[in-house]
Amino acid sequence: MKIRNLVLVLVILFSITAAAQEKPVQWDLSSCIKYALTNNIQIQKARISLESSEVSTKQAKAQLLPNLSASVSQNASYNPAVSLGTYSGSYGISSSMILFDGGKTLKTIEEQKLQEEAEKYNIISNEKSIQMSILQTYTKILYANEAVKVYEATVKTSEYQFNRGQEMLQAGSISKADLAQLESQLSSDKYQLVVAQNTLSTARLELKQLLELNSGEEISISIPELTNMNILKPLASLQSIYETALNVMPEIKTGKLNIQVSTLETSKAKAGYLPKINLNGSAGTSHNTNSTYSFNTQLSDGFSAGIGVSVSIPILTNRENKSTLEKARLNEKIVKLTMKDTEKNLLKEIESVYQDALSAQSQYMAGSEKVKALETSYSLIEQQYNLGMKNTLELLTEKNNLLSARQSMMQAKYLSIMDMQILNLYQDFPVEIK
């Protein structure tokens, strides 16, 4: 019965472990981010750094407690003049405790707590960094996937036009030079299709590397159906986004913590001018083989204990305290300037992404209209070409214009989506493409 219960527990534990390690069948952006946040090496290292900081905090708190140490010494000596050997031993314990150090120990504890908090924000910073990388790579995959489809359709059209050109050449409707142009266009479109396929493969490989997947693992990317609502979603005001980012971005919170740490460092430097008071205590005893008393009697009679207070008052320290205080105050100014610089850099980043998003949306709208117009124009020219009213150069020129317009529209489309999600990341909103 016990064995059966043990087997049942092991099966349950195995099932839980297997479920925890299970990978999604279809990788959409949300599942990619979720998996990376659990398995990314940099994030795991940041979590270990937090654990190390927690240990340092415990150590800092322990400095308020008294220490205790024991000592034992055993000595043997020999005097040839009297042919007498002596064996002696001494035993003791000692302890000390800080009574007053100008608050330096308490400030060290407080400082270490702030460092521990900073490590937590470092984890968040790493998480946002991996989210940013996955977002960019995932968007690149979506763009490359659509580009492949566009070039596949283009190659089919070019093959049809080339085959149609061969028939027209036999009928005497076009020249060999025109057929050569159609063949050259077909070769060019096939080459562009290969480039797009390679770009897609490279982007998929980059995503696998970000997810820390093995090289042999295959992943199936979920391709969402995107509408104009996804692409042309209205943006919040720039000021609103920036104010939200100031309250949630980890580098801003870390900067504020660094200011508090620098203030504590200045306070600790001031404490260097104050006296330090320690409480000390010790106890010990000894024995010697030359004594006529027994071992236990020697230990009892030789026992002594003492307690005392020591005061250390800094008078002349070769400018050490003064220099430490001056450097701490200068560092405090540097940290505050660094904070301002961090806020300005954040504003620059948000302004740049915000402007890119607006530009991408306007380019997408203009590109959509251009594609519609060129599709109509190309359809008419193709009909005229089949009737012999347009030459091959005019047909291919219009076709390449349409292809170029589609490429520009696709670029604007996915740049708009990516930039909007980056702005979500700055505001600590969910990052998702659905």
Protein backbone atom coordinates (compact mmCIF):
# COMPACT_ATOMS: atom_id res chain seq x y z
CA MET A 1 0.00 0.00 0.00
CA LYS A 2 2.84 2.36 0.90
CA ILE A 3 4.64 1.52 -2.33
CA ARG A 4 1.48 2.22 -4.34
CA ASN A 5 1.07 5.62 -2.66
CA LEU A 6 4.72 6.46 -3.33
CA VAL A 7 4.35 5.57 -6.99
CA LEU A 8 1.19 7.72 -7.19
CA VAL A 9 3.04 10.71 -5.68
CA LEU A 10 5.92 10.27 -8.11
CA VAL A 11 3.53 10.11 -11.07
CA ILE A 12 1.81 13.32 -9.93
CA LEU A 13 5.13 15.11 -9.47
CA PHE A 14 6.31 13.94 -12.89
CA SER A 15 3.08 15.17 -14.46
CA ILE A 16 3.46 18.58 -12.81
CA THR A 17 7.09 18.86 -13.95
CA ALA A 18 6.22 17.81 -17.48
CA ALA A 19 3.40 20.35 -17.62
CA ALA A 20 5.73 23.09 -16.37
CA GLN A 21 8.22 22.31 -19.14
CA GLU A 22 5.58 21.91 -21.87
CA LYS A 23 6.05 24.20 -24.82
CA PRO A 24 3.16 25.75 -26.75
CA VAL A 25 2.11 24.14 -30.02
CA GLN A 26 1.65 27.55 -31.65
CA TRP A 27 4.00 30.33 -30.63
CA ASP A 28 2.24 33.69 -30.57
CA LEU A 29 3.83 36.81 -29.11
CA SER A 30 2.32 36.30 -25.65
CA SER A 31 3.49 32.69 -25.36
CA CYS A 32 6.98 33.65 -26.58
CA ILE A 33 7.27 36.33 -23.92
CA LYS A 34 5.87 34.09 -21.19
CA TYR A 35 8.30 31.29 -22.03
CA ALA A 36 11.30 33.63 -22.27
CA LEU A 37 10.57 35.26 -18.91
CA THR A 38 10.85 31.82 -17.32
CA ASN A 39 13.80 30.41 -19.23
CA ASN A 40 15.99 33.32 -20.31
CA ILE A 41 19.50 33.00 -18.86
CA GLN A 42 20.00 36.72 -18.22
CA ILE A 43 16.77 36.90 -16.21
CA GLN A 44 17.78 33.82 -14.21
CA LYS A 45 21.16 35.42 -13.46
CA ALA A 46 19.39 38.59 -12.32
CA ARG A 47 17.23 36.54 -9.93
CA ILE A 48 20.34 34.91 -8.49
CA SER A 49 21.85 38.37 -7.99
CA LEU A 50 18.73 39.28 -6.00
CA GLU A 51 19.24 36.24 -3.78
CA SER A 52 22.86 37.28 -3.26
CA SER A 53 21.70 40.77 -2.29
CA GLU A 54 19.26 39.29 0.22
CA VAL A 55 22.17 37.40 1.82
CA SER A 56 24.13 40.67 2.05
CA THR A 57 21.16 42.31 3.79
CA LYS A 58 21.08 39.52 6.38
CA GLN A 59 24.81 39.96 6.92
CA ALA A 60 24.40 43.72 7.40
CA LYS A 61 21.67 43.17 10.01
CA ALA A 62 23.86 40.64 11.84
CA GLN A 63 26.42 43.39 12.55
CA LEU A 64 24.08 44.69 15.27
CA LEU A 65 24.51 41.45 17.20
CA PRO A 66 27.49 40.61 19.44
CA ASN A 67 30.16 38.33 18.04
CA LEU A 68 31.64 35.41 19.95
CA SER A 69 34.91 33.58 19.45
CA ALA A 70 36.81 30.91 21.35
CA SER A 71 40.53 30.24 21.54
CA VAL A 72 42.57 27.25 22.63
CA SER A 73 46.37 27.05 22.78
CA GLN A 74 48.55 24.12 23.77
CA ASN A 75 52.30 24.55 24.34
CA ALA A 76 55.14 22.16 25.15
CA SER A 77 58.62 23.25 26.30
CA TYR A 78 61.82 21.53 27.41
CA ASN A 79 64.66 22.82 29.59
CA PRO A 80 67.89 20.77 29.11
CA ALA A 81 69.46 22.23 32.30
CA VAL A 82 66.95 20.49 34.49
CA SER A 83 65.96 17.79 32.05
CA LEU A 84 62.37 18.82 32.60
CA GLY A 85 59.62 19.11 30.03
CA THR A 86 56.58 21.30 30.53
CA TYR A 87 53.16 21.15 28.91
CA SER A 88 50.67 23.97 29.32
CA GLY A 89 47.41 25.09 27.85
CA SER A 90 45.14 28.09 27.87
CA TYR A 91 41.47 28.44 26.98
CA GLY A 92 39.34 31.51 26.46
CA ILE A 93 36.28 33.09 24.88
CA SER A 94 35.75 36.71 23.89
CA SER A 95 32.90 38.80 22.59
CA SER A 96 32.34 42.34 21.45
CA MET A 97 29.35 44.41 20.44
CA ILE A 98 28.94 47.82 18.86
CA LEU A 99 27.11 50.21 21.17
CA PHE A 100 27.52 53.35 19.10
CA ASP A 101 29.10 54.10 15.73
CA GLY A 102 27.28 57.24 14.71
CA GLY A 103 24.50 55.22 13.08
CA LYS A 104 26.86 53.84 10.44
CA THR A 105 25.73 50.23 10.87
CA LEU A 106 22.04 51.16 10.76
CA LYS A 107 22.61 53.21 7.62
CA THR A 108 24.50 50.30 6.05
CA ILE A 109 21.48 48.07 6.70
CA GLU A 110 19.16 50.64 5.17
CA GLU A 111 21.50 51.03 2.20
CA GLN A 112 21.63 47.28 1.64
CA LYS A 113 17.83 47.12 1.67
CA LEU A 114 17.81 49.75 -1.07
CA GLN A 115 20.37 47.73 -3.03
CA GLU A 116 18.13 44.71 -2.67
CA GLU A 117 15.21 46.73 -4.03
CA ALA A 118 17.40 47.86 -6.92
CA GLU A 119 18.13 44.22 -7.78
CA LYS A 120 14.38 43.63 -8.07
CA TYR A 121 14.15 46.46 -10.58
CA ASN A 122 17.16 44.99 -12.38
CA ILE A 123 15.11 41.83 -12.91
CA ILE A 124 12.25 43.92 -14.32
CA SER A 125 14.71 45.75 -16.57
CA ASN A 126 16.00 42.44 -17.93
CA GLU A 127 12.44 41.26 -18.45
CA LYS A 128 11.56 44.39 -20.41
CA SER A 129 14.74 44.03 -22.46
CA ILE A 130 13.88 40.46 -23.48
CA GLN A 131 10.29 41.50 -24.21
CA MET A 132 11.60 44.25 -26.48
CA SER A 133 13.89 41.84 -28.33
CA ILE A 134 11.16 39.24 -28.78
CA LEU A 135 8.67 41.89 -29.94
CA GLN A 136 11.10 43.17 -32.58
CA THR A 137 11.99 39.66 -33.78
CA TYR A 138 8.39 38.46 -33.79
CA THR A 139 7.34 41.52 -35.83
CA LYS A 140 10.22 40.84 -38.22
CA ILE A 141 8.85 37.30 -38.68
CA LEU A 142 5.36 38.64 -39.44
CA TYR A 143 6.79 41.05 -42.01
CA ALA A 144 9.03 38.41 -43.61
CA ASN A 145 6.16 35.91 -43.73
CA GLU A 146 3.93 38.38 -45.57
CA ALA A 147 6.82 39.35 -47.86
CA VAL A 148 7.26 35.68 -48.81
CA LYS A 149 3.57 35.45 -49.72
CA VAL A 150 3.80 38.62 -51.81
CA TYR A 151 6.86 37.36 -53.71
CA GLU A 152 5.30 33.92 -54.19
CA ALA A 153 2.30 35.61 -55.83
CA THR A 154 4.66 37.83 -57.82
CA VAL A 155 6.64 34.82 -59.09
CA LYS A 156 3.41 33.10 -60.16
CA THR A 157 2.39 36.24 -62.06
CA SER A 158 5.83 36.48 -63.67
CA GLU A 159 5.69 32.80 -64.69
CA TYR A 160 2.29 33.36 -66.25
CA GLN A 161 3.52 36.44 -68.09
CA PHE A 162 6.62 34.62 -69.32
CA ASN A 163 4.57 31.67 -70.59
CA ARG A 164 2.11 34.11 -72.13
CA GLY A 165 5.07 35.93 -73.69
CA GLN A 166 6.27 32.73 -75.33
CA GLU A 167 2.86 32.29 -76.93
CA MET A 168 2.82 35.92 -78.05
CA LEU A 169 6.32 35.53 -79.50
CA GLN A 170 5.18 32.55 -81.57
CA ALA A 171 2.19 34.60 -82.70
CA GLY A 172 4.50 37.47 -83.61
CA SER A 173 2.95 39.89 -81.11
CA ILE A 174 6.21 40.62 -79.25
CA SER A 175 9.91 40.44 -80.03
CA LYS A 176 12.61 38.23 -78.55
CA ALA A 177 13.88 41.27 -76.64
CA ASP A 178 10.48 41.61 -74.97
CA LEU A 179 10.51 37.92 -74.02
CA ALA A 180 14.02 38.33 -72.61
CA GLN A 181 12.76 41.17 -70.43
CA LEU A 182 9.96 38.92 -69.13
CA GLU A 183 12.44 36.14 -68.41
CA SER A 184 14.78 38.57 -66.63
CA GLN A 185 11.89 39.81 -64.51
CA LEU A 186 10.98 36.22 -63.61
CA SER A 187 14.56 35.51 -62.52
CA SER A 188 14.65 38.71 -60.47
CA ASP A 189 11.36 37.87 -58.73
CA LYS A 190 12.59 34.34 -57.92
CA TYR A 191 15.75 35.83 -56.43
CA GLN A 192 13.71 38.24 -54.29
CA LEU A 193 11.56 35.31 -53.13
CA VAL A 194 14.70 33.43 -52.01
CA VAL A 195 15.92 36.54 -50.16
CA ALA A 196 12.56 36.87 -48.39
CA GLN A 197 12.57 33.17 -47.45
CA ASN A 198 16.11 33.49 -46.05
CA THR A 199 15.07 36.58 -44.09
CA LEU A 200 12.17 34.64 -42.59
CA SER A 201 14.44 31.71 -41.68
CA THR A 202 16.95 34.05 -40.05
CA ALA A 203 14.23 35.78 -38.03
CA ARG A 204 12.86 32.41 -36.87
CA LEU A 205 16.38 31.39 -35.80
CA GLU A 206 16.77 34.66 -33.85
CA LEU A 207 13.51 33.97 -32.04
CA LYS A 208 14.61 30.44 -31.13
CA GLN A 209 17.85 31.82 -29.71
CA LEU A 210 15.97 34.40 -27.65
CA LEU A 211 13.76 31.61 -26.30
CA GLU A 212 16.85 29.54 -25.39
CA LEU A 213 15.55 26.64 -27.51
CA ASN A 214 17.79 23.89 -28.86
CA SER A 215 18.95 24.20 -32.45
CA GLY A 216 17.07 21.03 -33.47
CA GLU A 217 13.71 22.17 -32.12
CA GLU A 218 11.13 23.32 -34.63
CA ILE A 219 8.65 26.03 -33.75
CA SER A 220 5.36 26.86 -35.38
CA ILE A 221 4.72 30.61 -35.39
CA SER A 222 1.16 31.81 -34.97
CA ILE A 223 0.38 34.44 -37.61
CA PRO A 224 -2.45 36.72 -36.42
CA GLU A 225 -4.99 38.27 -38.76
CA LEU A 226 -4.34 41.99 -38.56
CA THR A 227 -6.86 44.67 -39.44
CA ASN A 228 -6.71 48.44 -39.68
CA MET A 229 -7.88 48.57 -36.06
CA ASN A 230 -4.57 46.95 -35.06
CA ILE A 231 -2.51 49.16 -37.32
CA LEU A 232 -4.24 52.53 -36.95
CA LYS A 233 -5.14 52.38 -33.26
CA PRO A 234 -5.17 55.94 -31.83
CA LEU A 235 -2.22 56.75 -29.57
CA ALA A 236 -2.40 58.39 -26.17
CA SER A 237 -0.76 61.78 -25.84
CA LEU A 238 3.02 61.91 -25.68
CA GLN A 239 2.94 63.64 -22.30
CA SER A 240 0.62 61.00 -20.88
CA ILE A 241 2.87 58.17 -22.05
CA TYR A 242 5.98 59.87 -20.64
CA GLU A 243 4.39 60.57 -17.26
CA THR A 244 3.28 56.94 -16.99
CA ALA A 245 6.76 55.75 -17.95
CA LEU A 246 8.32 57.91 -15.24
CA ASN A 247 6.25 56.03 -12.68
CA VAL A 248 6.80 52.48 -13.92
CA MET A 249 10.10 52.16 -15.80
CA PRO A 250 12.71 50.28 -13.73
CA GLU A 251 15.63 52.54 -14.66
CA ILE A 252 13.76 55.53 -13.19
CA LYS A 253 12.98 53.67 -9.98
CA THR A 254 16.58 52.45 -9.76
CA GLY A 255 17.78 56.02 -10.23
CA LYS A 256 15.63 57.19 -7.31
CA LEU A 257 17.03 54.40 -5.16
CA ASN A 258 20.56 55.40 -6.12
CA ILE A 259 19.86 58.94 -4.90
CA GLN A 260 18.76 57.55 -1.53
CA VAL A 261 21.87 55.36 -1.39
CA SER A 262 24.13 58.33 -2.11
CA THR A 263 22.43 60.31 0.67
CA LEU A 264 23.08 57.44 3.09
CA GLU A 265 26.71 57.32 1.99
CA THR A 266 27.03 61.00 2.88
CA SER A 267 25.49 60.34 6.30
CA LYS A 268 27.88 57.43 6.85
CA ALA A 269 30.79 59.69 5.95
CA LYS A 270 29.66 62.22 8.56
CA ALA A 271 29.58 59.43 11.14
CA GLY A 272 33.34 59.07 10.67
CA TYR A 273 33.80 62.19 12.83
CA LEU A 274 31.92 60.64 15.76
CA PRO A 275 33.37 58.38 18.45
CA LYS A 276 32.85 54.63 18.28
CA ILE A 277 31.88 52.77 21.46
CA ASN A 278 32.25 49.00 21.79
CA LEU A 279 31.30 46.65 24.63
CA ASN A 280 33.92 43.95 25.13
CA GLY A 281 33.96 40.85 27.32
CA SER A 282 36.26 37.89 27.75
CA ALA A 283 36.83 34.88 29.97
CA GLY A 284 39.67 32.40 30.18
CA THR A 285 41.73 29.93 32.20
CA SER A 286 44.91 27.85 31.89
CA HIS A 287 46.86 24.91 33.26
CA ASN A 288 50.52 23.81 33.54
CA THR A 289 52.03 20.37 34.23
CA ASN A 290 54.63 21.85 36.57
CA SER A 291 51.92 22.83 39.01
CA THR A 292 51.26 20.65 42.03
CA TYR A 293 47.51 21.25 41.68
CA SER A 294 45.25 18.99 39.72
CA PHE A 295 44.07 19.84 36.22
CA ASN A 296 40.54 20.71 37.36
CA THR A 297 41.80 22.80 40.24
CA GLN A 298 44.11 24.77 37.94
CA LEU A 299 41.26 25.47 35.55
CA SER A 300 39.04 26.56 38.41
CA ASP A 301 41.67 28.70 40.17
CA GLY A 302 42.98 30.18 36.96
CA PHE A 303 39.58 31.25 35.65
CA SER A 304 39.22 34.97 35.07
CA ALA A 305 36.60 37.10 33.30
CA GLY A 306 36.29 40.70 32.41
CA ILE A 307 33.96 43.18 30.76
CA GLY A 308 34.68 46.66 29.56
CA VAL A 309 33.82 49.50 27.25
CA SER A 310 36.21 50.89 24.64
CA VAL A 311 35.85 54.29 23.09
CA SER A 312 37.61 55.27 19.88
CA ILE A 313 37.65 59.03 19.20
CA PRO A 314 38.95 60.24 15.83
CA ILE A 315 41.20 63.29 16.28
CA LEU A 316 43.63 63.36 13.38
CA THR A 317 42.92 60.95 10.53
CA ASN A 318 45.23 62.36 7.83
CA ARG A 319 42.19 63.96 6.16
CA GLU A 320 40.60 60.56 5.63
CA ASN A 321 37.20 61.50 7.09
CA LYS A 322 37.10 64.87 5.39
CA SER A 323 38.02 63.43 1.99
CA THR A 324 35.44 60.66 2.38
CA LEU A 325 32.73 63.21 3.18
CA GLU A 326 33.69 65.47 0.27
CA LYS A 327 33.69 62.55 -2.16
CA ALA A 328 30.32 61.37 -0.85
CA ARG A 329 28.80 64.82 -1.42
CA LEU A 330 30.27 65.00 -4.92
CA ASN A 331 28.95 61.52 -5.70
CA GLU A 332 25.53 62.64 -4.49
CA LYS A 333 25.56 65.43 -7.09
CA ILE A 334 26.68 63.03 -9.81
CA VAL A 335 23.90 60.56 -8.99
CA LYS A 336 21.27 63.32 -9.15
CA LEU A 337 22.61 64.47 -12.53
CA THR A 338 22.60 60.86 -13.72
CA MET A 339 18.96 60.67 -12.72
CA LYS A 340 18.14 63.75 -14.79
CA ASP A 341 20.07 62.29 -17.71
CA THR A 342 18.12 59.03 -17.40
CA GLU A 343 14.82 60.91 -17.46
CA LYS A 344 15.90 62.89 -20.54
CA ASN A 345 17.07 59.76 -22.34
CA LEU A 346 13.76 58.09 -21.56
CA LEU A 347 11.92 61.09 -23.00
CA LYS A 348 14.08 60.96 -26.14
CA GLU A 349 13.37 57.26 -26.59
CA ILE A 350 9.62 57.71 -26.14
CA GLU A 351 9.53 60.76 -28.42
CA SER A 352 11.40 58.84 -31.11
CA VAL A 353 9.14 55.78 -30.91
CA TYR A 354 6.02 57.96 -30.71
CA GLN A 355 7.01 59.91 -33.82
CA ASP A 356 7.91 56.67 -35.64
CA ALA A 357 4.48 55.27 -34.77
CA LEU A 358 2.68 58.35 -36.08
CA SER A 359 4.82 58.35 -39.23
CA ALA A 360 4.23 54.65 -39.81
CA GLN A 361 0.47 55.06 -39.45
CA SER A 362 0.35 57.98 -41.88
CA GLN A 363 2.64 56.12 -44.32
CA TYR A 364 0.45 53.05 -44.09
CA MET A 365 -2.70 55.05 -44.89
CA ALA A 366 -0.98 56.76 -47.81
CA GLY A 367 0.57 53.49 -48.93
CA SER A 368 -2.80 51.73 -48.89
CA GLU A 369 -4.26 54.35 -51.19
CA LYS A 370 -1.21 54.13 -53.46
CA VAL A 371 -1.43 50.35 -53.67
CA LYS A 372 -5.13 50.52 -54.59
CA ALA A 373 -4.40 53.06 -57.31
CA LEU A 374 -1.45 51.06 -58.68
CA GLU A 375 -3.44 47.82 -58.62
CA THR A 376 -6.07 49.49 -60.81
CA SER A 377 -3.42 51.00 -63.05
CA TYR A 378 -1.50 47.73 -63.38
CA SER A 379 -4.67 45.79 -64.18
CA LEU A 380 -5.49 48.22 -67.00
CA ILE A 381 -1.94 48.19 -68.38
CA GLU A 382 -1.90 44.38 -68.29
CA GLN A 383 -5.13 44.28 -70.27
CA GLN A 384 -3.71 46.81 -72.75
CA TYR A 385 -0.49 44.77 -72.98
CA ASN A 386 -2.45 41.64 -73.85
CA LEU A 387 -4.18 43.62 -76.59
CA GLY A 388 -0.85 44.91 -77.88
CA MET A 389 -1.50 48.50 -76.79
CA LYS A 390 1.34 48.59 -74.21
CA ASN A 391 4.88 47.32 -74.53
CA THR A 392 6.73 44.98 -72.17
CA LEU A 393 8.74 47.74 -70.53
CA GLU A 394 5.59 49.64 -69.56
CA LEU A 395 4.05 46.47 -68.13
CA LEU A 396 7.09 45.56 -66.05
CA THR A 397 7.60 49.14 -64.87
CA GLU A 398 4.05 49.31 -63.57
CA LYS A 399 4.39 45.86 -62.01
CA ASN A 400 7.57 46.86 -60.15
CA ASN A 401 5.94 50.09 -59.02
CA LEU A 402 3.09 48.06 -57.53
CA LEU A 403 5.52 45.66 -55.84
CA SER A 404 7.52 48.56 -54.38
CA ALA A 405 4.33 50.19 -53.08
CA ARG A 406 3.29 46.93 -51.41
CA GLN A 407 6.69 46.62 -49.75
CA SER A 408 6.47 50.16 -48.41
CA MET A 409 2.96 49.56 -47.13
CA MET A 410 4.04 46.34 -45.39
CA GLN A 411 6.98 48.07 -43.75
CA ALA A 412 4.74 50.87 -42.47
CA LYS A 413 2.18 48.31 -41.32
CA TYR A 414 4.53 46.33 -39.10
CA LEU A 415 6.49 49.36 -37.92
CA SER A 416 3.22 50.86 -36.72
CA ILE A 417 2.29 47.67 -34.85
CA MET A 418 5.76 47.29 -33.33
CA ASP A 419 6.04 50.92 -32.23
CA MET A 420 2.61 50.84 -30.58
CA GLN A 421 3.64 47.75 -28.61
CA ILE A 422 6.92 49.39 -27.61
CA LEU A 423 4.92 52.30 -26.24
CA ASN A 424 2.86 49.75 -24.28
CA LEU A 425 6.09 48.37 -22.89
CA TYR A 426 7.14 51.83 -21.69
CA GLN A 427 3.79 52.15 -19.90
CA ASP A 428 3.96 48.64 -18.40
CA PHE A 429 0.91 47.58 -20.44
CA PRO A 430 0.54 44.06 -21.89
CA VAL A 431 2.57 43.47 -25.05
CA GLU A 432 0.48 41.47 -27.49
CA ILE A 433 -0.38 41.30 -31.17
CA LYS A 434 -3.81 39.82 -31.85
